[in-house]
Amino acid sequence: MASKAPGKPAVAKPDKPNAAAPVRSGEVPLLSGGNPQIAKGYGDAPVQAYIAAMPGWKSDVGRRLDALIERAVPDVYKAVKWNSPLYGIEGEGWFLGIHVFTKYVKVAFFRGSSLNPVPPGQSKQKEVRYLDIREGDALDEEQFVGWIRQASRLPGERM
């Protein structure tokens, strides 16, 4: 992951939050694998636009993940960058990202190798670990919330 630019906060707060209108999945272009093409933006609105545009069953997964993240970290800071929702602590960096693929939703824990237990999906990046959620998978919500809480306490990724 890229380092932050000198003199800029790790998770920048814009002067004005984005005022994105609700989006239906048919109104947003889908990139390779069905990933919604949502403009870069900070705050809840662009993340909710991304979730609304996730195709089929993946939108339900996105809503559930977002709700669990908000429950675990009430002061979570959100953004959409690189066509992926990111979750972080303002001024501390990002701890989690979500991305849509053809057959699954990928949750990236940017410091996942430090979580206990370590999420199952390995990465080419030493610290990143993934959780892939496929249609019909039962999400262990207690474990997921535990990972979120742990991840939110670690130094965030500066992007």
N, C-alpha and C. Protein backbone atom coordinates (compact mmCIF):
# COMPACT_ATOMS: atom_id res chain seq x y z
N MET A 1 0.82 -1.17 0.00
CA MET A 1 0.00 0.00 0.00
C MET A 1 0.87 1.25 0.00
N ALA A 2 0.36 2.30 -0.55
CA ALA A 2 1.12 3.53 -0.68
C ALA A 2 1.24 4.24 0.67
N SER A 3 2.30 4.97 0.83
CA SER A 3 2.49 5.76 2.03
C SER A 3 1.77 7.08 1.86
N LYS A 4 1.47 7.71 2.98
CA LYS A 4 0.82 9.00 2.90
C LYS A 4 1.81 10.06 2.45
N ALA A 5 1.28 11.11 1.85
CA ALA A 5 2.12 12.22 1.42
C ALA A 5 2.55 13.02 2.64
N PRO A 6 3.79 13.52 2.65
CA PRO A 6 4.25 14.31 3.79
C PRO A 6 3.32 15.49 4.03
N GLY A 7 3.02 15.74 5.30
CA GLY A 7 2.20 16.89 5.65
C GLY A 7 0.71 16.68 5.49
N LYS A 8 0.28 15.51 5.04
CA LYS A 8 -1.15 15.26 4.89
C LYS A 8 -1.60 14.26 5.95
N PRO A 9 -2.84 14.44 6.47
CA PRO A 9 -3.32 13.48 7.46
C PRO A 9 -3.52 12.12 6.83
N ALA A 10 -3.41 11.07 7.63
CA ALA A 10 -3.56 9.70 7.13
C ALA A 10 -4.94 9.47 6.55
N VAL A 11 -5.97 9.94 7.22
CA VAL A 11 -7.33 9.85 6.73
C VAL A 11 -7.83 11.28 6.68
N ALA A 12 -7.79 11.86 5.50
CA ALA A 12 -8.13 13.26 5.35
C ALA A 12 -9.62 13.48 5.53
N LYS A 13 -9.99 14.56 6.16
CA LYS A 13 -11.39 14.93 6.30
C LYS A 13 -11.67 16.06 5.32
N PRO A 14 -12.59 15.86 4.38
CA PRO A 14 -12.85 16.90 3.40
C PRO A 14 -13.55 18.09 4.04
N ASP A 15 -13.49 19.23 3.34
CA ASP A 15 -14.18 20.42 3.84
C ASP A 15 -15.69 20.19 3.91
N LYS A 16 -16.25 19.53 2.88
CA LYS A 16 -17.66 19.23 2.85
C LYS A 16 -17.85 17.75 2.56
N PRO A 17 -18.76 17.08 3.29
CA PRO A 17 -19.01 15.68 2.97
C PRO A 17 -19.68 15.55 1.60
N ASN A 18 -19.44 14.44 0.93
CA ASN A 18 -20.09 14.20 -0.35
C ASN A 18 -21.57 14.03 -0.14
N ALA A 19 -22.35 14.59 -1.02
CA ALA A 19 -23.80 14.47 -0.93
C ALA A 19 -24.28 13.59 -2.07
N ALA A 20 -23.98 12.32 -2.00
CA ALA A 20 -24.38 11.39 -3.05
C ALA A 20 -25.82 10.96 -2.84
N ALA A 21 -26.59 10.96 -3.91
CA ALA A 21 -27.97 10.49 -3.84
C ALA A 21 -27.97 8.97 -3.83
N PRO A 22 -29.06 8.37 -3.31
CA PRO A 22 -29.13 6.91 -3.37
C PRO A 22 -28.99 6.43 -4.81
N VAL A 23 -28.31 5.30 -4.99
CA VAL A 23 -28.02 4.78 -6.32
C VAL A 23 -28.60 3.38 -6.43
N ARG A 24 -29.24 3.08 -7.56
CA ARG A 24 -29.71 1.73 -7.83
C ARG A 24 -28.64 1.02 -8.65
N SER A 25 -28.56 -0.30 -8.51
CA SER A 25 -27.49 -1.05 -9.16
C SER A 25 -27.46 -0.84 -10.67
N GLY A 26 -28.57 -0.63 -11.33
CA GLY A 26 -28.59 -0.42 -12.77
C GLY A 26 -28.04 0.92 -13.21
N GLU A 27 -27.86 1.86 -12.28
CA GLU A 27 -27.42 3.20 -12.62
C GLU A 27 -25.90 3.39 -12.53
N VAL A 28 -25.21 2.43 -11.98
CA VAL A 28 -23.77 2.54 -11.76
C VAL A 28 -23.06 1.54 -12.65
N PRO A 29 -22.05 1.98 -13.39
CA PRO A 29 -21.29 1.01 -14.20
C PRO A 29 -20.60 0.00 -13.29
N LEU A 30 -20.59 -1.25 -13.74
CA LEU A 30 -19.89 -2.29 -13.01
C LEU A 30 -18.60 -2.61 -13.75
N LEU A 31 -17.51 -2.66 -13.00
CA LEU A 31 -16.21 -2.98 -13.56
C LEU A 31 -16.03 -4.49 -13.59
N SER A 32 -14.88 -4.94 -13.94
CA SER A 32 -14.55 -6.36 -13.99
C SER A 32 -14.97 -7.05 -12.70
N GLY A 33 -15.63 -8.18 -12.82
CA GLY A 33 -16.06 -8.94 -11.66
C GLY A 33 -17.31 -8.40 -11.00
N GLY A 34 -17.90 -7.34 -11.54
CA GLY A 34 -19.11 -6.76 -10.95
C GLY A 34 -18.84 -5.72 -9.88
N ASN A 35 -17.61 -5.22 -9.80
CA ASN A 35 -17.28 -4.20 -8.82
C ASN A 35 -17.85 -2.85 -9.25
N PRO A 36 -18.69 -2.21 -8.40
CA PRO A 36 -19.27 -0.92 -8.77
C PRO A 36 -18.22 0.17 -8.97
N GLN A 37 -18.42 0.98 -10.00
CA GLN A 37 -17.51 2.11 -10.26
C GLN A 37 -18.10 3.34 -9.59
N ILE A 38 -17.62 3.62 -8.41
CA ILE A 38 -18.09 4.75 -7.61
C ILE A 38 -16.94 5.75 -7.50
N ALA A 39 -17.27 7.03 -7.70
CA ALA A 39 -16.25 8.08 -7.61
C ALA A 39 -15.67 8.14 -6.20
N LYS A 40 -14.40 8.50 -6.12
CA LYS A 40 -13.73 8.68 -4.84
C LYS A 40 -14.52 9.68 -4.01
N GLY A 41 -14.71 9.36 -2.75
CA GLY A 41 -15.43 10.26 -1.87
C GLY A 41 -15.28 9.84 -0.42
N TYR A 42 -15.44 10.79 0.48
CA TYR A 42 -15.30 10.55 1.91
C TYR A 42 -16.65 10.63 2.58
N GLY A 43 -16.83 9.81 3.62
CA GLY A 43 -18.06 9.82 4.39
C GLY A 43 -18.94 8.61 4.06
N ASP A 44 -20.09 8.57 4.68
CA ASP A 44 -21.00 7.45 4.54
C ASP A 44 -21.68 7.40 3.17
N ALA A 45 -22.00 8.54 2.59
CA ALA A 45 -22.77 8.56 1.34
C ALA A 45 -22.13 7.77 0.19
N PRO A 46 -20.85 7.97 -0.12
CA PRO A 46 -20.28 7.18 -1.20
C PRO A 46 -20.20 5.69 -0.88
N VAL A 47 -20.00 5.34 0.40
CA VAL A 47 -19.98 3.93 0.78
C VAL A 47 -21.37 3.33 0.59
N GLN A 48 -22.40 4.05 0.99
CA GLN A 48 -23.76 3.54 0.80
C GLN A 48 -24.11 3.43 -0.68
N ALA A 49 -23.61 4.36 -1.51
CA ALA A 49 -23.83 4.27 -2.96
C ALA A 49 -23.16 3.02 -3.52
N TYR A 50 -21.96 2.73 -3.06
CA TYR A 50 -21.24 1.52 -3.48
C TYR A 50 -22.04 0.28 -3.09
N ILE A 51 -22.47 0.21 -1.84
CA ILE A 51 -23.21 -0.95 -1.34
C ILE A 51 -24.50 -1.14 -2.14
N ALA A 52 -25.22 -0.05 -2.40
CA ALA A 52 -26.46 -0.14 -3.17
C ALA A 52 -26.21 -0.65 -4.58
N ALA A 53 -25.03 -0.37 -5.12
CA ALA A 53 -24.71 -0.77 -6.49
C ALA A 53 -24.09 -2.16 -6.59
N MET A 54 -23.79 -2.77 -5.45
CA MET A 54 -23.24 -4.14 -5.49
C MET A 54 -24.29 -5.05 -6.10
N PRO A 55 -23.92 -5.87 -7.08
CA PRO A 55 -24.92 -6.68 -7.77
C PRO A 55 -25.45 -7.85 -6.94
N GLY A 56 -26.76 -8.09 -7.09
CA GLY A 56 -27.41 -9.28 -6.52
C GLY A 56 -27.23 -9.44 -5.02
N TRP A 57 -26.95 -10.65 -4.60
CA TRP A 57 -26.80 -11.02 -3.19
C TRP A 57 -25.69 -10.26 -2.50
N LYS A 58 -24.74 -9.74 -3.28
CA LYS A 58 -23.58 -9.07 -2.70
C LYS A 58 -23.97 -7.77 -1.98
N SER A 59 -25.04 -7.12 -2.44
CA SER A 59 -25.51 -5.91 -1.78
C SER A 59 -25.99 -6.21 -0.36
N ASP A 60 -26.67 -7.33 -0.16
CA ASP A 60 -27.09 -7.74 1.19
C ASP A 60 -25.87 -7.98 2.08
N VAL A 61 -24.85 -8.63 1.52
CA VAL A 61 -23.61 -8.86 2.27
C VAL A 61 -22.98 -7.51 2.62
N GLY A 62 -22.91 -6.60 1.67
CA GLY A 62 -22.33 -5.28 1.92
C GLY A 62 -23.05 -4.54 3.03
N ARG A 63 -24.39 -4.57 3.02
CA ARG A 63 -25.16 -3.90 4.07
C ARG A 63 -24.87 -4.52 5.44
N ARG A 64 -24.79 -5.85 5.49
CA ARG A 64 -24.53 -6.53 6.75
C ARG A 64 -23.13 -6.21 7.27
N LEU A 65 -22.14 -6.26 6.39
CA LEU A 65 -20.76 -5.94 6.80
C LEU A 65 -20.68 -4.50 7.33
N ASP A 66 -21.29 -3.57 6.60
CA ASP A 66 -21.26 -2.16 7.00
C ASP A 66 -21.90 -1.99 8.39
N ALA A 67 -23.04 -2.65 8.62
CA ALA A 67 -23.71 -2.55 9.91
C ALA A 67 -22.85 -3.13 11.03
N LEU A 68 -22.21 -4.27 10.77
CA LEU A 68 -21.35 -4.88 11.79
C LEU A 68 -20.14 -3.99 12.09
N ILE A 69 -19.58 -3.38 11.06
CA ILE A 69 -18.43 -2.49 11.25
C ILE A 69 -18.85 -1.28 12.09
N GLU A 70 -19.99 -0.68 11.75
CA GLU A 70 -20.47 0.47 12.52
C GLU A 70 -20.77 0.10 13.97
N ARG A 71 -21.32 -1.10 14.18
CA ARG A 71 -21.62 -1.54 15.55
C ARG A 71 -20.33 -1.74 16.34
N ALA A 72 -19.32 -2.32 15.72
CA ALA A 72 -18.07 -2.60 16.41
C ALA A 72 -17.23 -1.36 16.65
N VAL A 73 -17.31 -0.40 15.72
CA VAL A 73 -16.50 0.82 15.80
C VAL A 73 -17.41 2.01 15.49
N PRO A 74 -18.15 2.48 16.50
CA PRO A 74 -19.15 3.53 16.26
C PRO A 74 -18.61 4.81 15.61
N ASP A 75 -17.34 5.14 15.84
CA ASP A 75 -16.75 6.35 15.27
C ASP A 75 -15.97 6.07 13.99
N VAL A 76 -16.29 4.96 13.31
CA VAL A 76 -15.57 4.57 12.10
C VAL A 76 -15.66 5.68 11.04
N TYR A 77 -14.57 5.87 10.33
CA TYR A 77 -14.50 6.84 9.25
C TYR A 77 -14.54 6.06 7.95
N LYS A 78 -15.31 6.54 6.97
CA LYS A 78 -15.52 5.79 5.73
C LYS A 78 -15.13 6.61 4.52
N ALA A 79 -14.78 5.88 3.47
CA ALA A 79 -14.49 6.51 2.17
C ALA A 79 -14.59 5.45 1.09
N VAL A 80 -14.71 5.91 -0.14
CA VAL A 80 -14.54 5.04 -1.31
C VAL A 80 -13.34 5.57 -2.05
N LYS A 81 -12.35 4.69 -2.22
CA LYS A 81 -11.14 4.98 -2.99
C LYS A 81 -10.85 3.76 -3.83
N TRP A 82 -10.39 3.95 -5.03
CA TRP A 82 -10.03 2.85 -5.92
C TRP A 82 -11.20 1.86 -6.07
N ASN A 83 -12.42 2.41 -6.13
CA ASN A 83 -13.64 1.61 -6.29
C ASN A 83 -13.80 0.57 -5.20
N SER A 84 -13.43 0.91 -3.99
CA SER A 84 -13.58 0.02 -2.83
C SER A 84 -13.90 0.85 -1.59
N PRO A 85 -14.89 0.43 -0.80
CA PRO A 85 -15.12 1.10 0.47
C PRO A 85 -13.97 0.81 1.43
N LEU A 86 -13.55 1.85 2.14
CA LEU A 86 -12.51 1.73 3.14
C LEU A 86 -13.07 2.19 4.48
N TYR A 87 -12.59 1.56 5.54
CA TYR A 87 -13.02 1.89 6.89
C TYR A 87 -11.78 2.16 7.72
N GLY A 88 -11.82 3.25 8.51
CA GLY A 88 -10.66 3.60 9.30
C GLY A 88 -11.02 4.44 10.50
N ILE A 89 -9.99 4.89 11.16
CA ILE A 89 -10.11 5.81 12.28
C ILE A 89 -9.51 7.13 11.81
N GLU A 90 -10.28 8.19 11.90
CA GLU A 90 -9.82 9.48 11.40
C GLU A 90 -8.47 9.85 12.01
N GLY A 91 -7.54 10.20 11.14
CA GLY A 91 -6.19 10.57 11.56
C GLY A 91 -5.28 9.39 11.84
N GLU A 92 -5.82 8.16 11.84
CA GLU A 92 -5.03 6.97 12.16
C GLU A 92 -4.83 6.03 10.99
N GLY A 93 -5.57 6.20 9.91
CA GLY A 93 -5.43 5.34 8.74
C GLY A 93 -6.57 4.34 8.61
N TRP A 94 -6.48 3.52 7.59
CA TRP A 94 -7.53 2.55 7.23
C TRP A 94 -7.18 1.17 7.79
N PHE A 95 -8.20 0.48 8.32
CA PHE A 95 -7.96 -0.86 8.85
C PHE A 95 -8.63 -1.95 8.02
N LEU A 96 -9.57 -1.60 7.13
CA LEU A 96 -10.33 -2.60 6.40
C LEU A 96 -10.83 -2.04 5.08
N GLY A 97 -10.90 -2.89 4.08
CA GLY A 97 -11.48 -2.53 2.79
C GLY A 97 -12.33 -3.67 2.26
N ILE A 98 -13.28 -3.33 1.39
CA ILE A 98 -14.18 -4.32 0.78
C ILE A 98 -14.07 -4.18 -0.73
N HIS A 99 -14.13 -5.31 -1.43
CA HIS A 99 -14.07 -5.28 -2.90
C HIS A 99 -14.94 -6.41 -3.45
N VAL A 100 -15.65 -6.13 -4.53
CA VAL A 100 -16.53 -7.13 -5.15
C VAL A 100 -15.80 -7.84 -6.29
N PHE A 101 -15.91 -9.15 -6.29
CA PHE A 101 -15.42 -9.99 -7.37
C PHE A 101 -16.59 -10.79 -7.91
N THR A 102 -16.39 -11.48 -9.03
CA THR A 102 -17.48 -12.19 -9.70
C THR A 102 -18.22 -13.13 -8.76
N LYS A 103 -17.50 -13.93 -7.99
CA LYS A 103 -18.15 -14.97 -7.19
C LYS A 103 -18.09 -14.74 -5.69
N TYR A 104 -17.51 -13.63 -5.26
CA TYR A 104 -17.41 -13.39 -3.82
C TYR A 104 -17.16 -11.92 -3.52
N VAL A 105 -17.33 -11.60 -2.23
CA VAL A 105 -16.99 -10.29 -1.69
C VAL A 105 -15.74 -10.50 -0.85
N LYS A 106 -14.71 -9.70 -1.12
CA LYS A 106 -13.44 -9.83 -0.40
C LYS A 106 -13.34 -8.71 0.64
N VAL A 107 -13.08 -9.13 1.88
CA VAL A 107 -12.80 -8.19 2.96
C VAL A 107 -11.29 -8.25 3.21
N ALA A 108 -10.64 -7.11 3.13
CA ALA A 108 -9.19 -7.03 3.37
C ALA A 108 -8.94 -6.39 4.73
N PHE A 109 -8.24 -7.11 5.58
CA PHE A 109 -7.76 -6.56 6.86
C PHE A 109 -6.31 -6.16 6.62
N PHE A 110 -6.04 -4.86 6.61
CA PHE A 110 -4.73 -4.38 6.21
C PHE A 110 -3.61 -4.77 7.17
N ARG A 111 -3.92 -5.03 8.41
CA ARG A 111 -2.95 -5.53 9.40
C ARG A 111 -3.41 -6.90 9.91
N GLY A 112 -3.99 -7.67 9.01
CA GLY A 112 -4.61 -8.95 9.36
C GLY A 112 -3.70 -9.97 9.97
N SER A 113 -2.41 -9.93 9.65
CA SER A 113 -1.48 -10.90 10.23
C SER A 113 -1.31 -10.70 11.74
N SER A 114 -1.77 -9.55 12.26
CA SER A 114 -1.68 -9.26 13.69
C SER A 114 -2.96 -9.62 14.43
N LEU A 115 -3.99 -10.11 13.71
CA LEU A 115 -5.27 -10.45 14.35
C LEU A 115 -5.21 -11.86 14.92
N ASN A 116 -6.04 -12.09 15.94
CA ASN A 116 -6.08 -13.40 16.57
C ASN A 116 -7.52 -13.89 16.64
N PRO A 117 -7.83 -14.99 15.96
CA PRO A 117 -6.99 -15.73 15.04
C PRO A 117 -6.81 -14.95 13.74
N VAL A 118 -5.81 -15.31 12.99
CA VAL A 118 -5.52 -14.64 11.72
C VAL A 118 -6.61 -15.02 10.70
N PRO A 119 -7.20 -14.03 9.98
CA PRO A 119 -8.17 -14.38 8.93
C PRO A 119 -7.55 -15.34 7.92
N PRO A 120 -8.39 -16.18 7.29
CA PRO A 120 -7.88 -17.30 6.51
C PRO A 120 -7.19 -16.98 5.20
N GLY A 121 -7.55 -15.90 4.53
CA GLY A 121 -7.00 -15.63 3.20
C GLY A 121 -5.66 -14.93 3.25
N GLN A 122 -4.65 -15.55 2.62
CA GLN A 122 -3.32 -14.95 2.57
C GLN A 122 -3.22 -13.95 1.43
N SER A 123 -2.20 -13.12 1.50
CA SER A 123 -1.96 -12.07 0.53
C SER A 123 -0.49 -12.09 0.13
N LYS A 124 -0.18 -11.46 -0.99
CA LYS A 124 1.22 -11.26 -1.38
C LYS A 124 1.87 -10.23 -0.47
N GLN A 125 1.04 -9.41 0.18
CA GLN A 125 1.55 -8.42 1.12
C GLN A 125 1.61 -9.06 2.51
N LYS A 126 2.73 -8.92 3.17
CA LYS A 126 3.02 -9.64 4.41
C LYS A 126 1.93 -9.47 5.48
N GLU A 127 1.43 -8.27 5.67
CA GLU A 127 0.51 -8.01 6.78
C GLU A 127 -0.97 -8.19 6.42
N VAL A 128 -1.31 -8.16 5.16
CA VAL A 128 -2.71 -8.21 4.73
C VAL A 128 -3.24 -9.63 4.80
N ARG A 129 -4.47 -9.76 5.30
CA ARG A 129 -5.19 -11.03 5.28
C ARG A 129 -6.61 -10.77 4.80
N TYR A 130 -7.19 -11.79 4.17
CA TYR A 130 -8.50 -11.64 3.55
C TYR A 130 -9.53 -12.59 4.14
N LEU A 131 -10.77 -12.18 4.01
CA LEU A 131 -11.92 -13.03 4.26
C LEU A 131 -12.78 -12.94 3.01
N ASP A 132 -12.95 -14.07 2.31
CA ASP A 132 -13.80 -14.12 1.12
C ASP A 132 -15.16 -14.65 1.51
N ILE A 133 -16.21 -13.94 1.09
CA ILE A 133 -17.58 -14.34 1.41
C ILE A 133 -18.29 -14.65 0.10
N ARG A 134 -18.74 -15.90 -0.03
CA ARG A 134 -19.43 -16.36 -1.23
C ARG A 134 -20.92 -16.47 -0.96
N GLU A 135 -21.69 -16.49 -2.02
CA GLU A 135 -23.14 -16.61 -1.89
C GLU A 135 -23.48 -17.85 -1.06
N GLY A 136 -24.33 -17.68 -0.07
CA GLY A 136 -24.75 -18.78 0.78
C GLY A 136 -23.84 -19.06 1.95
N ASP A 137 -22.66 -18.41 2.02
CA ASP A 137 -21.75 -18.61 3.15
C ASP A 137 -22.40 -18.07 4.43
N ALA A 138 -22.20 -18.78 5.52
CA ALA A 138 -22.63 -18.30 6.83
C ALA A 138 -21.48 -17.49 7.42
N LEU A 139 -21.72 -16.24 7.69
CA LEU A 139 -20.70 -15.37 8.27
C LEU A 139 -20.71 -15.54 9.78
N ASP A 140 -19.56 -15.86 10.35
CA ASP A 140 -19.42 -15.93 11.79
C ASP A 140 -19.31 -14.48 12.29
N GLU A 141 -20.46 -13.90 12.62
CA GLU A 141 -20.51 -12.49 12.96
C GLU A 141 -19.71 -12.17 14.22
N GLU A 142 -19.72 -13.07 15.19
CA GLU A 142 -18.95 -12.83 16.41
C GLU A 142 -17.46 -12.74 16.10
N GLN A 143 -16.96 -13.67 15.27
CA GLN A 143 -15.55 -13.64 14.89
C GLN A 143 -15.24 -12.39 14.06
N PHE A 144 -16.13 -12.05 13.12
CA PHE A 144 -15.92 -10.90 12.26
C PHE A 144 -15.85 -9.61 13.10
N VAL A 145 -16.77 -9.44 14.03
CA VAL A 145 -16.76 -8.26 14.90
C VAL A 145 -15.49 -8.23 15.75
N GLY A 146 -15.05 -9.40 16.21
CA GLY A 146 -13.79 -9.46 16.95
C GLY A 146 -12.62 -8.98 16.11
N TRP A 147 -12.57 -9.42 14.86
CA TRP A 147 -11.50 -8.97 13.96
C TRP A 147 -11.58 -7.46 13.75
N ILE A 148 -12.78 -6.94 13.55
CA ILE A 148 -12.95 -5.50 13.33
C ILE A 148 -12.44 -4.72 14.53
N ARG A 149 -12.84 -5.14 15.71
CA ARG A 149 -12.40 -4.42 16.92
C ARG A 149 -10.88 -4.46 17.06
N GLN A 150 -10.30 -5.62 16.84
CA GLN A 150 -8.83 -5.73 16.91
C GLN A 150 -8.17 -4.85 15.86
N ALA A 151 -8.65 -4.95 14.62
CA ALA A 151 -8.05 -4.20 13.51
C ALA A 151 -8.13 -2.70 13.74
N SER A 152 -9.24 -2.24 14.31
CA SER A 152 -9.42 -0.79 14.51
C SER A 152 -8.45 -0.23 15.54
N ARG A 153 -7.87 -1.09 16.38
CA ARG A 153 -6.92 -0.65 17.41
C ARG A 153 -5.47 -0.66 16.93
N LEU A 154 -5.23 -1.24 15.77
CA LEU A 154 -3.87 -1.32 15.22
C LEU A 154 -3.57 -0.07 14.39
N PRO A 155 -2.29 0.22 14.17
CA PRO A 155 -1.96 1.35 13.29
C PRO A 155 -2.59 1.09 11.92
N GLY A 156 -3.25 2.10 11.39
CA GLY A 156 -3.93 1.96 10.11
C GLY A 156 -3.01 2.10 8.92
N GLU A 157 -3.51 1.67 7.78
CA GLU A 157 -2.79 1.78 6.51
C GLU A 157 -2.94 3.21 6.02
N ARG A 158 -1.86 3.80 5.62
CA ARG A 158 -1.85 5.19 5.13
C ARG A 158 -1.93 5.19 3.62
N MET A 159 -3.11 5.49 3.06
CA MET A 159 -3.26 5.52 1.60
C MET A 159 -3.92 6.80 1.16
